Amino acid sequence: MKRIALMFSMCVMSLIFIILACDPMVFIKEMESRDRAYAILRDTVLTYKKRVISLFDDFQKLSYEFNIPFEKFIPVFSLPDSRNNVYAAFEYDVASLERLVKICEKFDITSDMMDADTKLIYDLLYLLKEIAEPIDEIINVHLRDEHLSRISTTRSASSISVITVALRDSITKERELVFKIKERILAIDPAGIKQVIVIQIRDILDDGNINANIRFIKEMARRISRAVR
């Protein structure tokens, strides 16, 4: 079946080339369609990058130092990108990050064992990292500048549109995640009863919509990765 499918694909491609050779206008229209599709993709990427860079720059200017216990969870949080993804999960919102610090301080994570308090805080930080990581991979790996340049000359208009749709869907889901996680973290009172805070954190970790959206963006990252190869 694979051989038949391959032969069919080759025949279709040959037919397309013949049509294009016979009718230059078809070729010109395809080029114009590809250029339009690429312009939309490029603008979507650049708009997202510009927004994130602006948020990051404003965040750095504040020179805040958040006592989030990343060093406790090496090697997962040994790289700056992993730590930055935790900040990015809140869109660098200072109030949310300050609340996260106070929540972490409520728990005893001095134990070297990954259980009880230590495991709970690790799971929370890991979830936050997972929120921002897939879109970071899409923008800064799969759709980095050299890949975008190659896409503009090697992909059809329809293929480029598939990438754009996947990217836009990912951005939409990420913004939903950011809004929800900020709301849920800010709803936790770090001065409250510890067991109540534990329940609230577990509710975040087990939230079906949050986890489904993370899986969705990861799938879009895989789809885009395949499309740009």
C-alpha atoms as a PDB file:
ATOM      1  CA  MET A   1       0.000   0.000   0.000  1.00  0.00           C
ATOM      2  CA  LYS A   2       2.868   2.366   0.832  1.00  0.00           C
ATOM      3  CA  ARG A   3       4.430   1.730  -2.590  1.00  0.00           C
ATOM      4  CA  ILE A   4       1.116   2.412  -4.327  1.00  0.00           C
ATOM      5  CA  ALA A   5       0.633   5.612  -2.313  1.00  0.00           C
ATOM      6  CA  LEU A   6       4.157   6.736  -3.178  1.00  0.00           C
ATOM      7  CA  MET A   7       3.627   6.066  -6.883  1.00  0.00           C
ATOM      8  CA  PHE A   8       0.322   7.938  -6.772  1.00  0.00           C
ATOM      9  CA  SER A   9       1.979  10.927  -5.069  1.00  0.00           C
ATOM     10  CA  MET A  10       4.724  10.964  -7.695  1.00  0.00           C
ATOM     11  CA  CYS A  11       2.144  10.894 -10.485  1.00  0.00           C
ATOM     12  CA  VAL A  12       0.225  13.768  -8.902  1.00  0.00           C
ATOM     13  CA  MET A  13       3.397  15.832  -8.509  1.00  0.00           C
ATOM     14  CA  SER A  14       4.378  15.111 -12.109  1.00  0.00           C
ATOM     15  CA  LEU A  15       0.950  16.214 -13.285  1.00  0.00           C
ATOM     16  CA  ILE A  16       1.252  19.442 -11.298  1.00  0.00           C
ATOM     17  CA  PHE A  17       4.630  20.195 -12.833  1.00  0.00           C
ATOM     18  CA  ILE A  18       3.258  19.546 -16.310  1.00  0.00           C
ATOM     19  CA  ILE A  19       0.329  21.896 -15.688  1.00  0.00           C
ATOM     20  CA  LEU A  20       2.620  24.591 -14.352  1.00  0.00           C
ATOM     21  CA  ALA A  21       4.953  24.219 -17.311  1.00  0.00           C
ATOM     22  CA  CYS A  22       2.071  24.497 -19.748  1.00  0.00           C
ATOM     23  CA  ASP A  23       0.408  27.447 -18.041  1.00  0.00           C
ATOM     24  CA  PRO A  24       2.751  30.060 -16.522  1.00  0.00           C
ATOM     25  CA  MET A  25      -0.241  31.889 -15.019  1.00  0.00           C
ATOM     26  CA  VAL A  26      -0.922  28.922 -12.747  1.00  0.00           C
ATOM     27  CA  PHE A  27       2.655  29.117 -11.520  1.00  0.00           C
ATOM     28  CA  ILE A  28       2.408  32.873 -10.932  1.00  0.00           C
ATOM     29  CA  LYS A  29      -0.848  32.512  -8.983  1.00  0.00           C
ATOM     30  CA  GLU A  30       0.671  29.776  -6.849  1.00  0.00           C
ATOM     31  CA  MET A  31       3.654  32.009  -6.101  1.00  0.00           C
ATOM     32  CA  GLU A  32       1.370  34.883  -5.135  1.00  0.00           C
ATOM     33  CA  SER A  33      -0.719  32.618  -2.895  1.00  0.00           C
ATOM     34  CA  ARG A  34       2.423  31.305  -1.233  1.00  0.00           C
ATOM     35  CA  ASP A  35       3.727  34.829  -0.653  1.00  0.00           C
ATOM     36  CA  ARG A  36       0.439  35.882   0.957  1.00  0.00           C
ATOM     37  CA  ALA A  37       0.338  32.787   3.153  1.00  0.00           C
ATOM     38  CA  TYR A  38       3.946  33.299   4.192  1.00  0.00           C
ATOM     39  CA  ALA A  39       3.349  36.973   5.029  1.00  0.00           C
ATOM     40  CA  ILE A  40       0.524  35.969   7.384  1.00  0.00           C
ATOM     41  CA  LEU A  41       2.703  33.342   9.075  1.00  0.00           C
ATOM     42  CA  ARG A  42       5.662  35.697   9.427  1.00  0.00           C
ATOM     43  CA  ASP A  43       3.492  38.493  10.850  1.00  0.00           C
ATOM     44  CA  THR A  44       1.929  36.084  13.357  1.00  0.00           C
ATOM     45  CA  VAL A  45       5.364  34.952  14.538  1.00  0.00           C
ATOM     46  CA  LEU A  46       6.772  38.478  14.728  1.00  0.00           C
ATOM     47  CA  THR A  47       3.725  39.866  16.548  1.00  0.00           C
ATOM     48  CA  TYR A  48       3.956  37.139  19.176  1.00  0.00           C
ATOM     49  CA  LYS A  49       7.713  37.614  19.565  1.00  0.00           C
ATOM     50  CA  LYS A  50       7.365  41.378  19.890  1.00  0.00           C
ATOM     51  CA  ARG A  51       4.760  41.037  22.626  1.00  0.00           C
ATOM     52  CA  VAL A  52       6.774  38.495  24.634  1.00  0.00           C
ATOM     53  CA  ILE A  53      10.021  40.448  24.263  1.00  0.00           C
ATOM     54  CA  SER A  54       8.263  43.600  25.480  1.00  0.00           C
ATOM     55  CA  LEU A  55       6.891  41.784  28.539  1.00  0.00           C
ATOM     56  CA  PHE A  56      10.290  40.249  29.263  1.00  0.00           C
ATOM     57  CA  ASP A  57      12.140  43.559  28.890  1.00  0.00           C
ATOM     58  CA  ASP A  58       9.708  45.334  31.217  1.00  0.00           C
ATOM     59  CA  PHE A  59      10.118  42.491  33.704  1.00  0.00           C
ATOM     60  CA  GLN A  60      13.912  42.736  33.639  1.00  0.00           C
ATOM     61  CA  LYS A  61      13.821  46.497  34.163  1.00  0.00           C
ATOM     62  CA  LEU A  62      12.054  45.922  37.474  1.00  0.00           C
ATOM     63  CA  SER A  63      15.094  43.943  38.670  1.00  0.00           C
ATOM     64  CA  TYR A  64      12.944  41.728  40.879  1.00  0.00           C
ATOM     65  CA  GLU A  65      14.535  38.677  42.463  1.00  0.00           C
ATOM     66  CA  PHE A  66      12.025  35.974  43.283  1.00  0.00           C
ATOM     67  CA  ASN A  67      12.998  33.374  45.842  1.00  0.00           C
ATOM     68  CA  ILE A  68      11.536  30.453  43.931  1.00  0.00           C
ATOM     69  CA  PRO A  69      13.320  27.232  45.014  1.00  0.00           C
ATOM     70  CA  PHE A  70      14.628  26.218  41.590  1.00  0.00           C
ATOM     71  CA  GLU A  71      17.972  25.074  43.012  1.00  0.00           C
ATOM     72  CA  LYS A  72      16.142  22.374  44.962  1.00  0.00           C
ATOM     73  CA  PHE A  73      15.071  20.718  41.732  1.00  0.00           C
ATOM     74  CA  ILE A  74      18.260  20.355  39.724  1.00  0.00           C
ATOM     75  CA  PRO A  75      18.750  19.270  36.948  1.00  0.00           C
ATOM     76  CA  VAL A  76      15.181  20.013  35.766  1.00  0.00           C
ATOM     77  CA  PHE A  77      15.539  23.711  36.598  1.00  0.00           C
ATOM     78  CA  SER A  78      19.285  24.065  36.078  1.00  0.00           C
ATOM     79  CA  LEU A  79      18.928  25.879  32.744  1.00  0.00           C
ATOM     80  CA  PRO A  80      17.837  29.545  32.601  1.00  0.00           C
ATOM     81  CA  ASP A  81      15.237  28.691  29.940  1.00  0.00           C
ATOM     82  CA  SER A  82      13.458  26.298  32.309  1.00  0.00           C
ATOM     83  CA  ARG A  83      13.312  28.943  35.015  1.00  0.00           C
ATOM     84  CA  ASN A  84      12.220  31.604  32.553  1.00  0.00           C
ATOM     85  CA  ASN A  85       9.352  29.385  31.412  1.00  0.00           C
ATOM     86  CA  VAL A  86       7.986  29.464  34.966  1.00  0.00           C
ATOM     87  CA  TYR A  87       8.007  33.273  34.840  1.00  0.00           C
ATOM     88  CA  ALA A  88       6.497  33.189  31.343  1.00  0.00           C
ATOM     89  CA  ALA A  89       3.626  31.006  32.566  1.00  0.00           C
ATOM     90  CA  PHE A  90       2.402  34.152  34.351  1.00  0.00           C
ATOM     91  CA  GLU A  91       3.422  36.473  31.499  1.00  0.00           C
ATOM     92  CA  TYR A  92       6.002  37.889  33.928  1.00  0.00           C
ATOM     93  CA  ASP A  93       3.245  39.207  36.184  1.00  0.00           C
ATOM     94  CA  VAL A  94       4.923  40.356  39.412  1.00  0.00           C
ATOM     95  CA  ALA A  95       1.864  39.914  41.645  1.00  0.00           C
ATOM     96  CA  SER A  96       1.421  36.298  40.543  1.00  0.00           C
ATOM     97  CA  LEU A  97       5.115  35.506  41.013  1.00  0.00           C
ATOM     98  CA  GLU A  98       5.178  37.090  44.465  1.00  0.00           C
ATOM     99  CA  ARG A  99       2.177  34.965  45.406  1.00  0.00           C
ATOM    100  CA  LEU A 100       3.964  31.864  44.104  1.00  0.00           C
ATOM    101  CA  VAL A 101       6.979  32.655  46.304  1.00  0.00           C
ATOM    102  CA  LYS A 102       4.779  32.994  49.399  1.00  0.00           C
ATOM    103  CA  ILE A 103       3.024  29.723  48.577  1.00  0.00           C
ATOM    104  CA  CYS A 104       6.367  27.926  48.255  1.00  0.00           C
ATOM    105  CA  GLU A 105       7.501  29.373  51.591  1.00  0.00           C
ATOM    106  CA  LYS A 106       4.483  27.768  53.247  1.00  0.00           C
ATOM    107  CA  PHE A 107       5.985  24.317  52.662  1.00  0.00           C
ATOM    108  CA  ASP A 108       8.988  22.511  54.091  1.00  0.00           C
ATOM    109  CA  ILE A 109      11.070  21.411  51.106  1.00  0.00           C
ATOM    110  CA  THR A 110      14.297  20.769  53.005  1.00  0.00           C
ATOM    111  CA  SER A 111      13.870  17.019  52.621  1.00  0.00           C
ATOM    112  CA  ASP A 112      15.956  15.370  49.926  1.00  0.00           C
ATOM    113  CA  MET A 113      13.160  12.897  49.294  1.00  0.00           C
ATOM    114  CA  MET A 114      10.651  13.708  46.546  1.00  0.00           C
ATOM    115  CA  ASP A 115       7.608  13.240  48.715  1.00  0.00           C
ATOM    116  CA  ALA A 116       5.078  15.258  50.713  1.00  0.00           C
ATOM    117  CA  ASP A 117       5.774  19.015  50.559  1.00  0.00           C
ATOM    118  CA  THR A 118       8.825  18.719  48.310  1.00  0.00           C
ATOM    119  CA  LYS A 119       6.978  16.682  45.685  1.00  0.00           C
ATOM    120  CA  LEU A 120       3.978  19.025  45.716  1.00  0.00           C
ATOM    121  CA  ILE A 121       6.077  22.142  45.054  1.00  0.00           C
ATOM    122  CA  TYR A 122       8.106  20.327  42.405  1.00  0.00           C
ATOM    123  CA  ASP A 123       4.920  19.265  40.612  1.00  0.00           C
ATOM    124  CA  LEU A 124       3.590  22.831  40.707  1.00  0.00           C
ATOM    125  CA  LEU A 125       6.785  24.354  39.296  1.00  0.00           C
ATOM    126  CA  TYR A 126       6.988  21.631  36.663  1.00  0.00           C
ATOM    127  CA  LEU A 127       3.413  22.297  35.556  1.00  0.00           C
ATOM    128  CA  LEU A 128       4.183  26.014  35.231  1.00  0.00           C
ATOM    129  CA  LYS A 129       7.228  25.208  33.106  1.00  0.00           C
ATOM    130  CA  GLU A 130       5.092  22.967  30.906  1.00  0.00           C
ATOM    131  CA  ILE A 131       2.629  25.791  30.219  1.00  0.00           C
ATOM    132  CA  ALA A 132       5.181  28.026  28.491  1.00  0.00           C
ATOM    133  CA  GLU A 133       7.646  25.458  27.136  1.00  0.00           C
ATOM    134  CA  PRO A 134       5.743  24.178  24.051  1.00  0.00           C
ATOM    135  CA  ILE A 135       5.035  27.639  22.605  1.00  0.00           C
ATOM    136  CA  ASP A 136       8.645  28.617  23.318  1.00  0.00           C
ATOM    137  CA  GLU A 137       9.735  25.567  21.319  1.00  0.00           C
ATOM    138  CA  ILE A 138       7.432  26.502  18.433  1.00  0.00           C
ATOM    139  CA  ILE A 139       8.571  30.117  18.203  1.00  0.00           C
ATOM    140  CA  ASN A 140      12.264  29.827  19.019  1.00  0.00           C
ATOM    141  CA  VAL A 141      13.067  26.421  17.532  1.00  0.00           C
ATOM    142  CA  HIS A 142      10.650  25.296  14.822  1.00  0.00           C
ATOM    143  CA  LEU A 143       9.859  28.805  13.534  1.00  0.00           C
ATOM    144  CA  ARG A 144      13.171  30.529  14.168  1.00  0.00           C
ATOM    145  CA  ASP A 145      14.385  32.930  11.477  1.00  0.00           C
ATOM    146  CA  GLU A 146      16.309  30.442   9.321  1.00  0.00           C
ATOM    147  CA  HIS A 147      13.390  28.016   9.313  1.00  0.00           C
ATOM    148  CA  LEU A 148      10.984  30.794   8.357  1.00  0.00           C
ATOM    149  CA  SER A 149      13.224  31.764   5.443  1.00  0.00           C
ATOM    150  CA  ARG A 150      13.292  28.180   4.219  1.00  0.00           C
ATOM    151  CA  ILE A 151       9.523  27.833   4.558  1.00  0.00           C
ATOM    152  CA  SER A 152       9.036  30.866   2.314  1.00  0.00           C
ATOM    153  CA  THR A 153      10.721  29.089  -0.612  1.00  0.00           C
ATOM    154  CA  THR A 154      10.066  25.392  -0.047  1.00  0.00           C
ATOM    155  CA  ARG A 155       6.450  25.116   1.105  1.00  0.00           C
ATOM    156  CA  SER A 156       3.170  25.538  -0.742  1.00  0.00           C
ATOM    157  CA  ALA A 157       0.526  28.063   0.281  1.00  0.00           C
ATOM    158  CA  SER A 158      -1.627  25.320   1.792  1.00  0.00           C
ATOM    159  CA  SER A 159       1.286  23.887   3.804  1.00  0.00           C
ATOM    160  CA  ILE A 160       2.160  27.320   5.158  1.00  0.00           C
ATOM    161  CA  SER A 161      -1.476  27.924   6.106  1.00  0.00           C
ATOM    162  CA  VAL A 162      -1.501  24.669   8.087  1.00  0.00           C
ATOM    163  CA  ILE A 163       1.485  25.932  10.091  1.00  0.00           C
ATOM    164  CA  THR A 164      -0.189  29.301  10.678  1.00  0.00           C
ATOM    165  CA  VAL A 165      -3.412  27.721  11.933  1.00  0.00           C
ATOM    166  CA  ALA A 166      -1.487  25.462  14.324  1.00  0.00           C
ATOM    167  CA  LEU A 167       0.511  28.445  15.597  1.00  0.00           C
ATOM    168  CA  ARG A 168      -2.550  30.641  16.128  1.00  0.00           C
ATOM    169  CA  ASP A 169      -4.386  27.836  17.917  1.00  0.00           C
ATOM    170  CA  SER A 170      -1.353  27.359  20.165  1.00  0.00           C
ATOM    171  CA  ILE A 171      -1.191  31.055  21.006  1.00  0.00           C
ATOM    172  CA  THR A 172      -4.900  31.092  21.859  1.00  0.00           C
ATOM    173  CA  LYS A 173      -4.590  28.058  24.138  1.00  0.00           C
ATOM    174  CA  GLU A 174      -1.490  29.465  25.812  1.00  0.00           C
ATOM    175  CA  ARG A 175      -3.274  32.722  26.644  1.00  0.00           C
ATOM    176  CA  GLU A 176      -6.168  30.768  28.109  1.00  0.00           C
ATOM    177  CA  LEU A 177      -3.695  28.824  30.237  1.00  0.00           C
ATOM    178  CA  VAL A 178      -1.892  31.955  31.427  1.00  0.00           C
ATOM    179  CA  PHE A 179      -5.159  33.635  32.419  1.00  0.00           C
ATOM    180  CA  LYS A 180      -6.378  30.550  34.258  1.00  0.00           C
ATOM    181  CA  ILE A 181      -3.130  29.837  36.114  1.00  0.00           C
ATOM    182  CA  LYS A 182      -2.774  33.456  37.248  1.00  0.00           C
ATOM    183  CA  GLU A 183      -6.351  33.400  38.494  1.00  0.00           C
ATOM    184  CA  ARG A 184      -5.881  30.119  40.356  1.00  0.00           C
ATOM    185  CA  ILE A 185      -2.565  31.078  41.974  1.00  0.00           C
ATOM    186  CA  LEU A 186      -3.833  34.487  43.092  1.00  0.00           C
ATOM    187  CA  ALA A 187      -6.867  32.769  44.633  1.00  0.00           C
ATOM    188  CA  ILE A 188      -4.591  30.915  47.066  1.00  0.00           C
ATOM    189  CA  ASP A 189      -4.139  32.673  50.407  1.00  0.00           C
ATOM    190  CA  PRO A 190      -0.604  31.833  51.605  1.00  0.00           C
ATOM    191  CA  ALA A 191      -1.610  32.906  55.120  1.00  0.00           C
ATOM    192  CA  GLY A 192      -4.374  30.329  55.166  1.00  0.00           C
ATOM    193  CA  ILE A 193      -4.502  26.788  56.504  1.00  0.00           C
ATOM    194  CA  LYS A 194      -1.816  24.627  54.936  1.00  0.00           C
ATOM    195  CA  GLN A 195      -4.131  21.707  54.173  1.00  0.00           C
ATOM    196  CA  VAL A 196      -6.471  24.031  52.289  1.00  0.00           C
ATOM    197  CA  ILE A 197      -3.526  25.299  50.231  1.00  0.00           C
ATOM    198  CA  VAL A 198      -2.516  21.695  49.498  1.00  0.00           C
ATOM    199  CA  ILE A 199      -6.011  20.984  48.182  1.00  0.00           C
ATOM    200  CA  GLN A 200      -5.961  24.131  46.015  1.00  0.00           C
ATOM    201  CA  ILE A 201      -2.584  23.206  44.519  1.00  0.00           C
ATOM    202  CA  ARG A 202      -3.708  19.645  43.835  1.00  0.00           C
ATOM    203  CA  ASP A 203      -6.829  21.012  42.163  1.00  0.00           C
ATOM    204  CA  ILE A 204      -4.563  23.006  39.822  1.00  0.00           C
ATOM    205  CA  LEU A 205      -2.337  19.994  39.115  1.00  0.00           C
ATOM    206  CA  ASP A 206      -5.342  17.763  38.400  1.00  0.00           C
ATOM    207  CA  ASP A 207      -7.330  20.328  36.398  1.00  0.00           C
ATOM    208  CA  GLY A 208      -8.447  18.551  33.237  1.00  0.00           C
ATOM    209  CA  ASN A 209      -8.694  21.708  31.129  1.00  0.00           C
ATOM    210  CA  ILE A 210      -5.210  22.901  32.077  1.00  0.00           C
ATOM    211  CA  ASN A 211      -3.628  19.558  31.271  1.00  0.00           C
ATOM    212  CA  ALA A 212      -5.646  19.157  28.067  1.00  0.00           C
ATOM    213  CA  ASN A 213      -4.525  22.579  26.815  1.00  0.00           C
ATOM    214  CA  ILE A 214      -0.886  21.754  27.558  1.00  0.00           C
ATOM    215  CA  ARG A 215      -1.220  18.492  25.612  1.00  0.00           C
ATOM    216  CA  PHE A 216      -2.887  20.376  22.762  1.00  0.00           C
ATOM    217  CA  ILE A 217      -0.036  22.888  22.423  1.00  0.00           C
ATOM    218  CA  LYS A 218       2.515  20.055  22.552  1.00  0.00           C
ATOM    219  CA  GLU A 219       0.673  18.330  19.713  1.00  0.00           C
ATOM    220  CA  MET A 220       0.678  21.578  17.711  1.00  0.00           C
ATOM    221  CA  ALA A 221       4.439  21.822  18.319  1.00  0.00           C
ATOM    222  CA  ARG A 222       4.894  18.310  16.916  1.00  0.00           C
ATOM    223  CA  ARG A 223       2.666  19.126  13.950  1.00  0.00           C
ATOM    224  CA  ILE A 224       4.621  22.281  13.149  1.00  0.00           C
ATOM    225  CA  SER A 225       7.913  20.430  13.591  1.00  0.00           C
ATOM    226  CA  ARG A 226       6.848  17.853  11.004  1.00  0.00           C
ATOM    227  CA  ALA A 227       5.615  20.556   8.636  1.00  0.00           C
ATOM    228  CA  VAL A 228       8.872  22.529   8.621  1.00  0.00           C
ATOM    229  CA  ARG A 229      11.236  19.575   8.133  1.00  0.00           C
END
